[in-house]
């Protein structure tokens, strides 16, 4: 059966049957995606995930500088808004 024949046949089904067919097709598609991801090895182990997280630790830190205080952040934000809405 070609795709076009399948679509034409599907159009003749009552709504309840269409719903069942769609649910089954989605389940089959989800299973296919799961099998593909397992075959590709795209699932990372907990150790691999932990290693990635640890390697990113401190990525936003600026060496030699202390982080801004809450007051400095508020002032910067206030200045940003005043410039934006001049």
PDB file of N, CA and C in Angstrom:
ATOM      1  N   UNK A   1       0.855  -1.174   0.000  1.00  0.00           N
ATOM      2  CA  UNK A   1       0.000   0.000   0.000  1.00  0.00           C
ATOM      3  C   UNK A   1       0.896   1.231   0.000  1.00  0.00           C
ATOM      4  N   UNK A   2       0.634   2.146  -0.899  1.00  0.00           N
ATOM      5  CA  UNK A   2       1.419   3.371  -0.957  1.00  0.00           C
ATOM      6  C   UNK A   2       0.931   4.354   0.101  1.00  0.00           C
ATOM      7  N   UNK A   3       1.722   5.384   0.294  1.00  0.00           N
ATOM      8  CA  UNK A   3       1.348   6.408   1.267  1.00  0.00           C
ATOM      9  C   UNK A   3       0.033   7.067   0.880  1.00  0.00           C
ATOM     10  N   UNK A   4      -0.120   7.368  -0.395  1.00  0.00           N
ATOM     11  CA  UNK A   4      -1.344   8.019  -0.869  1.00  0.00           C
ATOM     12  C   UNK A   4      -2.555   7.118  -0.646  1.00  0.00           C
ATOM     13  N   UNK A   5      -2.408   5.827  -0.903  1.00  0.00           N
ATOM     14  CA  UNK A   5      -3.511   4.884  -0.675  1.00  0.00           C
ATOM     15  C   UNK A   5      -3.849   4.819   0.810  1.00  0.00           C
ATOM     16  N   UNK A   6      -2.818   4.828   1.650  1.00  0.00           N
ATOM     17  CA  UNK A   6      -3.039   4.790   3.091  1.00  0.00           C
ATOM     18  C   UNK A   6      -3.822   6.015   3.544  1.00  0.00           C
ATOM     19  N   UNK A   7      -3.430   7.181   3.045  1.00  0.00           N
ATOM     20  CA  UNK A   7      -4.109   8.427   3.429  1.00  0.00           C
ATOM     21  C   UNK A   7      -5.561   8.408   2.958  1.00  0.00           C
ATOM     22  N   UNK A   8      -5.797   7.976   1.729  1.00  0.00           N
ATOM     23  CA  UNK A   8      -7.167   7.916   1.211  1.00  0.00           C
ATOM     24  C   UNK A   8      -8.021   6.961   2.040  1.00  0.00           C
ATOM     25  N   UNK A   9      -7.462   5.811   2.378  1.00  0.00           N
ATOM     26  CA  UNK A   9      -8.195   4.830   3.191  1.00  0.00           C
ATOM     27  C   UNK A   9      -8.466   5.402   4.583  1.00  0.00           C
ATOM     28  N   UNK A  10      -7.456   6.096   5.153  1.00  0.00           N
ATOM     29  CA  UNK A  10      -7.584   6.679   6.489  1.00  0.00           C
ATOM     30  C   UNK A  10      -8.710   7.704   6.536  1.00  0.00           C
ATOM     31  N   UNK A  11      -8.882   8.462   5.462  1.00  0.00           N
ATOM     32  CA  UNK A  11      -9.938   9.486   5.412  1.00  0.00           C
ATOM     33  C   UNK A  11     -11.333   8.876   5.519  1.00  0.00           C
ATOM     34  N   UNK A  12     -11.477   7.616   5.145  1.00  0.00           N
ATOM     35  CA  UNK A  12     -12.796   6.983   5.179  1.00  0.00           C
ATOM     36  C   UNK A  12     -13.144   6.438   6.564  1.00  0.00           C
ATOM     37  N   UNK A  13     -12.183   6.363   7.463  1.00  0.00           N
ATOM     38  CA  UNK A  13     -12.428   5.805   8.801  1.00  0.00           C
ATOM     39  C   UNK A  13     -13.271   6.757   9.641  1.00  0.00           C
ATOM     40  N   UNK A  14     -14.076   6.233  10.561  1.00  0.00           N
ATOM     41  CA  UNK A  14     -14.789   7.100  11.511  1.00  0.00           C
ATOM     42  C   UNK A  14     -13.790   7.709  12.506  1.00  0.00           C
ATOM     43  N   UNK A  15     -14.192   8.786  13.156  1.00  0.00           N
ATOM     44  CA  UNK A  15     -13.300   9.520  14.060  1.00  0.00           C
ATOM     45  C   UNK A  15     -12.696   8.627  15.143  1.00  0.00           C
ATOM     46  N   UNK A  16     -13.493   7.761  15.737  1.00  0.00           N
ATOM     47  CA  UNK A  16     -12.991   6.908  16.812  1.00  0.00           C
ATOM     48  C   UNK A  16     -11.876   5.994  16.305  1.00  0.00           C
ATOM     49  N   UNK A  17     -12.059   5.446  15.130  1.00  0.00           N
ATOM     50  CA  UNK A  17     -11.059   4.552  14.565  1.00  0.00           C
ATOM     51  C   UNK A  17      -9.800   5.340  14.164  1.00  0.00           C
ATOM     52  N   UNK A  18      -9.991   6.562  13.671  1.00  0.00           N
ATOM     53  CA  UNK A  18      -8.842   7.410  13.337  1.00  0.00           C
ATOM     54  C   UNK A  18      -7.989   7.655  14.581  1.00  0.00           C
ATOM     55  N   UNK A  19      -8.657   7.912  15.689  1.00  0.00           N
ATOM     56  CA  UNK A  19      -7.952   8.172  16.938  1.00  0.00           C
ATOM     57  C   UNK A  19      -7.125   6.959  17.356  1.00  0.00           C
ATOM     58  N   UNK A  20      -7.691   5.778  17.227  1.00  0.00           N
ATOM     59  CA  UNK A  20      -6.981   4.547  17.591  1.00  0.00           C
ATOM     60  C   UNK A  20      -5.773   4.343  16.688  1.00  0.00           C
ATOM     61  N   UNK A  21      -5.958   4.543  15.393  1.00  0.00           N
ATOM     62  CA  UNK A  21      -4.862   4.354  14.436  1.00  0.00           C
ATOM     63  C   UNK A  21      -3.734   5.348  14.715  1.00  0.00           C
ATOM     64  N   UNK A  22      -4.090   6.599  14.959  1.00  0.00           N
ATOM     65  CA  UNK A  22      -3.075   7.616  15.244  1.00  0.00           C
ATOM     66  C   UNK A  22      -2.307   7.258  16.513  1.00  0.00           C
ATOM     67  N   UNK A  23      -3.005   6.825  17.560  1.00  0.00           N
ATOM     68  CA  UNK A  23      -2.342   6.439  18.801  1.00  0.00           C
ATOM     69  C   UNK A  23      -1.357   5.294  18.563  1.00  0.00           C
ATOM     70  N   UNK A  24      -1.784   4.307  17.785  1.00  0.00           N
ATOM     71  CA  UNK A  24      -0.902   3.181  17.491  1.00  0.00           C
ATOM     72  C   UNK A  24       0.309   3.626  16.684  1.00  0.00           C
ATOM     73  N   UNK A  25       0.098   4.489  15.701  1.00  0.00           N
ATOM     74  CA  UNK A  25       1.212   4.979  14.881  1.00  0.00           C
ATOM     75  C   UNK A  25       2.203   5.782  15.719  1.00  0.00           C
ATOM     76  N   UNK A  26       1.699   6.601  16.627  1.00  0.00           N
ATOM     77  CA  UNK A  26       2.582   7.371  17.495  1.00  0.00           C
ATOM     78  C   UNK A  26       3.389   6.460  18.413  1.00  0.00           C
ATOM     79  N   UNK A  27       2.762   5.413  18.925  1.00  0.00           N
ATOM     80  CA  UNK A  27       3.459   4.452  19.776  1.00  0.00           C
ATOM     81  C   UNK A  27       4.575   3.753  18.993  1.00  0.00           C
ATOM     82  N   UNK A  28       4.264   3.346  17.759  1.00  0.00           N
ATOM     83  CA  UNK A  28       5.259   2.682  16.910  1.00  0.00           C
ATOM     84  C   UNK A  28       6.413   3.643  16.622  1.00  0.00           C
ATOM     85  N   UNK A  29       6.083   4.903  16.322  1.00  0.00           N
ATOM     86  CA  UNK A  29       7.110   5.894  16.014  1.00  0.00           C
ATOM     87  C   UNK A  29       7.995   6.154  17.232  1.00  0.00           C
ATOM     88  N   UNK A  30       7.399   6.258  18.405  1.00  0.00           N
ATOM     89  CA  UNK A  30       8.171   6.478  19.630  1.00  0.00           C
ATOM     90  C   UNK A  30       9.115   5.303  19.892  1.00  0.00           C
ATOM     91  N   UNK A  31       8.630   4.090  19.663  1.00  0.00           N
ATOM     92  CA  UNK A  31       9.479   2.907  19.824  1.00  0.00           C
ATOM     93  C   UNK A  31      10.645   2.936  18.847  1.00  0.00           C
ATOM     94  N   UNK A  32      10.375   3.339  17.613  1.00  0.00           N
ATOM     95  CA  UNK A  32      11.435   3.445  16.608  1.00  0.00           C
ATOM     96  C   UNK A  32      12.487   4.473  17.025  1.00  0.00           C
ATOM     97  N   UNK A  33      12.038   5.602  17.546  1.00  0.00           N
ATOM     98  CA  UNK A  33      12.979   6.632  17.988  1.00  0.00           C
ATOM     99  C   UNK A  33      13.834   6.125  19.142  1.00  0.00           C
ATOM    100  N   UNK A  34      13.212   5.407  20.055  1.00  0.00           N
ATOM    101  CA  UNK A  34      13.945   4.864  21.200  1.00  0.00           C
ATOM    102  C   UNK A  34      14.998   3.854  20.743  1.00  0.00           C
ATOM    103  N   UNK A  35      14.627   2.988  19.819  1.00  0.00           N
ATOM    104  CA  UNK A  35      15.572   2.004  19.300  1.00  0.00           C
ATOM    105  C   UNK A  35      16.734   2.688  18.592  1.00  0.00           C
ATOM    106  N   UNK A  36      16.431   3.719  17.822  1.00  0.00           N
ATOM    107  CA  UNK A  36      17.465   4.446  17.094  1.00  0.00           C
ATOM    108  C   UNK A  36      18.439   5.111  18.054  1.00  0.00           C
ATOM    109  N   UNK A  37      17.915   5.733  19.108  1.00  0.00           N
ATOM    110  CA  UNK A  37      18.798   6.409  20.064  1.00  0.00           C
ATOM    111  C   UNK A  37      19.655   5.406  20.817  1.00  0.00           C
ATOM    112  N   UNK A  38      19.122   4.229  21.092  1.00  0.00           N
ATOM    113  CA  UNK A  38      19.907   3.204  21.772  1.00  0.00           C
ATOM    114  C   UNK A  38      20.980   2.652  20.845  1.00  0.00           C
ATOM    115  N   UNK A  39      20.673   2.512  19.574  1.00  0.00           N
ATOM    116  CA  UNK A  39      21.649   2.003  18.618  1.00  0.00           C
ATOM    117  C   UNK A  39      22.765   3.011  18.396  1.00  0.00           C
ATOM    118  N   UNK A  40      22.432   4.281  18.411  1.00  0.00           N
ATOM    119  CA  UNK A  40      23.430   5.323  18.199  1.00  0.00           C
ATOM    120  C   UNK A  40      24.242   5.589  19.459  1.00  0.00           C
ATOM    121  N   UNK A  41      23.804   5.047  20.566  1.00  0.00           N
ATOM    122  CA  UNK A  41      24.507   5.284  21.817  1.00  0.00           C
ATOM    123  C   UNK A  41      24.369   6.710  22.304  1.00  0.00           C
ATOM    124  N   UNK A  42      23.285   7.376  21.958  1.00  0.00           N
ATOM    125  CA  UNK A  42      23.121   8.776  22.324  1.00  0.00           C
ATOM    126  C   UNK A  42      22.738   8.959  23.793  1.00  0.00           C
ATOM    127  N   UNK A  43      22.343   7.888  24.442  1.00  0.00           N
ATOM    128  CA  UNK A  43      22.032   7.979  25.862  1.00  0.00           C
ATOM    129  C   UNK A  43      23.338   8.014  26.644  1.00  0.00           C
ATOM    130  N   UNK A  44      23.480   8.993  27.514  1.00  0.00           N
ATOM    131  CA  UNK A  44      24.695   9.121  28.308  1.00  0.00           C
ATOM    132  C   UNK A  44      24.496   8.453  29.662  1.00  0.00           C
ATOM    133  N   UNK A  45      25.554   7.847  30.142  1.00  0.00           N
ATOM    134  CA  UNK A  45      25.487   7.234  31.463  1.00  0.00           C
ATOM    135  C   UNK A  45      25.548   8.336  32.516  1.00  0.00           C
ATOM    136  N   UNK A  46      25.239   7.979  33.742  1.00  0.00           N
ATOM    137  CA  UNK A  46      25.267   8.947  34.840  1.00  0.00           C
ATOM    138  C   UNK A  46      26.681   9.484  35.019  1.00  0.00           C
ATOM    139  N   UNK A  47      27.668   8.612  34.870  1.00  0.00           N
ATOM    140  CA  UNK A  47      29.062   9.039  35.018  1.00  0.00           C
ATOM    141  C   UNK A  47      29.427  10.072  33.953  1.00  0.00           C
ATOM    142  N   UNK A  48      28.984   9.833  32.714  1.00  0.00           N
ATOM    143  CA  UNK A  48      29.275  10.773  31.631  1.00  0.00           C
ATOM    144  C   UNK A  48      28.595  12.113  31.875  1.00  0.00           C
ATOM    145  N   UNK A  49      27.358  12.069  32.336  1.00  0.00           N
ATOM    146  CA  UNK A  49      26.641  13.312  32.631  1.00  0.00           C
ATOM    147  C   UNK A  49      27.317  14.078  33.756  1.00  0.00           C
ATOM    148  N   UNK A  50      27.744  13.340  34.788  1.00  0.00           N
ATOM    149  CA  UNK A  50      28.421  13.969  35.913  1.00  0.00           C
ATOM    150  C   UNK A  50      29.721  14.623  35.460  1.00  0.00           C
ATOM    151  N   UNK A  51      30.466  13.936  34.592  1.00  0.00           N
ATOM    152  CA  UNK A  51      31.723  14.480  34.087  1.00  0.00           C
ATOM    153  C   UNK A  51      31.478  15.768  33.297  1.00  0.00           C
ATOM    154  N   UNK A  52      30.426  15.796  32.507  1.00  0.00           N
ATOM    155  CA  UNK A  52      30.095  17.003  31.738  1.00  0.00           C
ATOM    156  C   UNK A  52      29.768  18.157  32.670  1.00  0.00           C
ATOM    157  N   UNK A  53      28.939  17.889  33.677  1.00  0.00           N
ATOM    158  CA  UNK A  53      28.559  18.938  34.619  1.00  0.00           C
ATOM    159  C   UNK A  53      29.787  19.459  35.362  1.00  0.00           C
ATOM    160  N   UNK A  54      30.656  18.547  35.800  1.00  0.00           N
ATOM    161  CA  UNK A  54      31.858  18.969  36.524  1.00  0.00           C
ATOM    162  C   UNK A  54      32.800  19.776  35.633  1.00  0.00           C
ATOM    163  N   UNK A  55      32.849  19.437  34.355  1.00  0.00           N
ATOM    164  CA  UNK A  55      33.727  20.190  33.456  1.00  0.00           C
ATOM    165  C   UNK A  55      33.200  21.600  33.212  1.00  0.00           C
ATOM    166  N   UNK A  56      31.906  21.811  33.390  1.00  0.00           N
ATOM    167  CA  UNK A  56      31.315  23.133  33.186  1.00  0.00           C
ATOM    168  C   UNK A  56      31.338  23.993  34.448  1.00  0.00           C
ATOM    169  N   UNK A  57      31.711  23.388  35.574  1.00  0.00           N
ATOM    170  CA  UNK A  57      31.718  24.121  36.834  1.00  0.00           C
ATOM    171  C   UNK A  57      32.644  25.332  36.733  1.00  0.00           C
ATOM    172  N   UNK A  58      32.145  26.496  37.056  1.00  0.00           N
ATOM    173  CA  UNK A  58      32.935  27.710  37.049  1.00  0.00           C
ATOM    174  C   UNK A  58      33.124  28.332  35.680  1.00  0.00           C
ATOM    175  N   UNK A  59      32.378  27.875  34.696  1.00  0.00           N
ATOM    176  CA  UNK A  59      32.561  28.367  33.339  1.00  0.00           C
ATOM    177  C   UNK A  59      32.262  29.858  33.222  1.00  0.00           C
ATOM    178  N   UNK A  60      31.389  30.376  34.062  1.00  0.00           N
ATOM    179  CA  UNK A  60      31.026  31.788  33.979  1.00  0.00           C
ATOM    180  C   UNK A  60      31.849  32.650  34.935  1.00  0.00           C
ATOM    181  N   UNK A  61      32.747  32.044  35.675  1.00  0.00           N
ATOM    182  CA  UNK A  61      33.551  32.805  36.629  1.00  0.00           C
ATOM    183  C   UNK A  61      34.571  33.671  35.893  1.00  0.00           C
ATOM    184  N   UNK A  62      34.794  34.855  36.436  1.00  0.00           N
ATOM    185  CA  UNK A  62      35.787  35.772  35.881  1.00  0.00           C
ATOM    186  C   UNK A  62      36.982  35.753  36.821  1.00  0.00           C
ATOM    187  N   UNK A  63      38.134  35.377  36.297  1.00  0.00           N
ATOM    188  CA  UNK A  63      39.315  35.286  37.137  1.00  0.00           C
ATOM    189  C   UNK A  63      39.794  36.669  37.551  1.00  0.00           C
ATOM    190  N   UNK A  64      40.177  36.776  38.819  1.00  0.00           N
ATOM    191  CA  UNK A  64      40.743  38.027  39.309  1.00  0.00           C
ATOM    192  C   UNK A  64      39.720  39.070  39.687  1.00  0.00           C
ATOM    193  N   UNK A  65      38.455  38.809  39.500  1.00  0.00           N
ATOM    194  CA  UNK A  65      37.415  39.778  39.838  1.00  0.00           C
ATOM    195  C   UNK A  65      36.444  39.143  40.822  1.00  0.00           C
ATOM    196  N   UNK A  66      35.933  39.985  41.696  1.00  0.00           N
ATOM    197  CA  UNK A  66      34.908  39.510  42.615  1.00  0.00           C
ATOM    198  C   UNK A  66      33.550  39.702  41.951  1.00  0.00           C
ATOM    199  N   UNK A  67      32.603  38.863  42.266  1.00  0.00           N
ATOM    200  CA  UNK A  67      31.277  39.033  41.670  1.00  0.00           C
ATOM    201  C   UNK A  67      30.642  40.330  42.161  1.00  0.00           C
ATOM    202  N   UNK A  68      29.777  40.931  41.357  1.00  0.00           N
ATOM    203  CA  UNK A  68      29.147  42.195  41.767  1.00  0.00           C
ATOM    204  C   UNK A  68      28.193  41.973  42.939  1.00  0.00           C
ATOM    205  N   UNK A  69      28.072  43.023  43.741  1.00  0.00           N
ATOM    206  CA  UNK A  69      27.145  42.963  44.874  1.00  0.00           C
ATOM    207  C   UNK A  69      25.724  43.174  44.366  1.00  0.00           C
ATOM    208  N   UNK A  70      24.770  42.897  45.230  1.00  0.00           N
ATOM    209  CA  UNK A  70      23.367  43.106  44.865  1.00  0.00           C
ATOM    210  C   UNK A  70      23.110  44.578  44.524  1.00  0.00           C
ATOM    211  N   UNK A  71      23.734  45.469  45.272  1.00  0.00           N
ATOM    212  CA  UNK A  71      23.547  46.900  45.031  1.00  0.00           C
ATOM    213  C   UNK A  71      24.078  47.277  43.644  1.00  0.00           C
ATOM    214  N   UNK A  72      25.251  46.757  43.277  1.00  0.00           N
ATOM    215  CA  UNK A  72      25.824  47.051  41.965  1.00  0.00           C
ATOM    216  C   UNK A  72      24.947  46.502  40.843  1.00  0.00           C
ATOM    217  N   UNK A  73      24.405  45.337  41.042  1.00  0.00           N
ATOM    218  CA  UNK A  73      23.519  44.737  40.042  1.00  0.00           C
ATOM    219  C   UNK A  73      22.275  45.593  39.858  1.00  0.00           C
ATOM    220  N   UNK A  74      21.683  46.046  40.972  1.00  0.00           N
ATOM    221  CA  UNK A  74      20.497  46.902  40.889  1.00  0.00           C
ATOM    222  C   UNK A  74      20.799  48.216  40.174  1.00  0.00           C
ATOM    223  N   UNK A  75      21.960  48.800  40.485  1.00  0.00           N
ATOM    224  CA  UNK A  75      22.343  50.051  39.823  1.00  0.00           C
ATOM    225  C   UNK A  75      22.537  49.837  38.325  1.00  0.00           C
ATOM    226  N   UNK A  76      23.224  48.770  37.956  1.00  0.00           N
ATOM    227  CA  UNK A  76      23.432  48.475  36.539  1.00  0.00           C
ATOM    228  C   UNK A  76      22.107  48.262  35.820  1.00  0.00           C
ATOM    229  N   UNK A  77      21.194  47.552  36.467  1.00  0.00           N
ATOM    230  CA  UNK A  77      19.890  47.288  35.858  1.00  0.00           C
ATOM    231  C   UNK A  77      19.090  48.581  35.717  1.00  0.00           C
ATOM    232  N   UNK A  78      19.159  49.423  36.727  1.00  0.00           N
ATOM    233  CA  UNK A  78      18.466  50.705  36.674  1.00  0.00           C
ATOM    234  C   UNK A  78      19.023  51.565  35.535  1.00  0.00           C
ATOM    235  N   UNK A  79      20.354  51.578  35.407  1.00  0.00           N
ATOM    236  CA  UNK A  79      20.985  52.342  34.319  1.00  0.00           C
ATOM    237  C   UNK A  79      20.573  51.769  32.959  1.00  0.00           C
ATOM    238  N   UNK A  80      20.533  50.471  32.851  1.00  0.00           N
ATOM    239  CA  UNK A  80      20.130  49.825  31.603  1.00  0.00           C
ATOM    240  C   UNK A  80      18.712  50.236  31.217  1.00  0.00           C
ATOM    241  N   UNK A  81      17.788  50.179  32.194  1.00  0.00           N
ATOM    242  CA  UNK A  81      16.396  50.541  31.903  1.00  0.00           C
ATOM    243  C   UNK A  81      16.259  52.022  31.559  1.00  0.00           C
ATOM    244  N   UNK A  82      16.995  52.874  32.273  1.00  0.00           N
ATOM    245  CA  UNK A  82      16.878  54.314  31.967  1.00  0.00           C
ATOM    246  C   UNK A  82      17.401  54.619  30.574  1.00  0.00           C
ATOM    247  N   UNK A  83      18.454  53.913  30.131  1.00  0.00           N
ATOM    248  CA  UNK A  83      18.966  54.114  28.775  1.00  0.00           C
ATOM    249  C   UNK A  83      17.991  53.546  27.740  1.00  0.00           C
ATOM    250  N   UNK A  84      17.408  52.448  28.069  1.00  0.00           N
ATOM    251  CA  UNK A  84      16.509  51.779  27.133  1.00  0.00           C
ATOM    252  C   UNK A  84      15.253  52.608  26.875  1.00  0.00           C
ATOM    253  N   UNK A  85      14.718  53.220  27.924  1.00  0.00           N
ATOM    254  CA  UNK A  85      13.444  53.939  27.786  1.00  0.00           C
ATOM    255  C   UNK A  85      13.605  55.455  27.778  1.00  0.00           C
ATOM    256  N   UNK A  86      14.745  55.940  27.303  1.00  0.00           N
ATOM    257  CA  UNK A  86      14.947  57.404  27.181  1.00  0.00           C
ATOM    258  C   UNK A  86      13.963  57.991  26.215  1.00  0.00           C
TER     259      UNK A  86
END
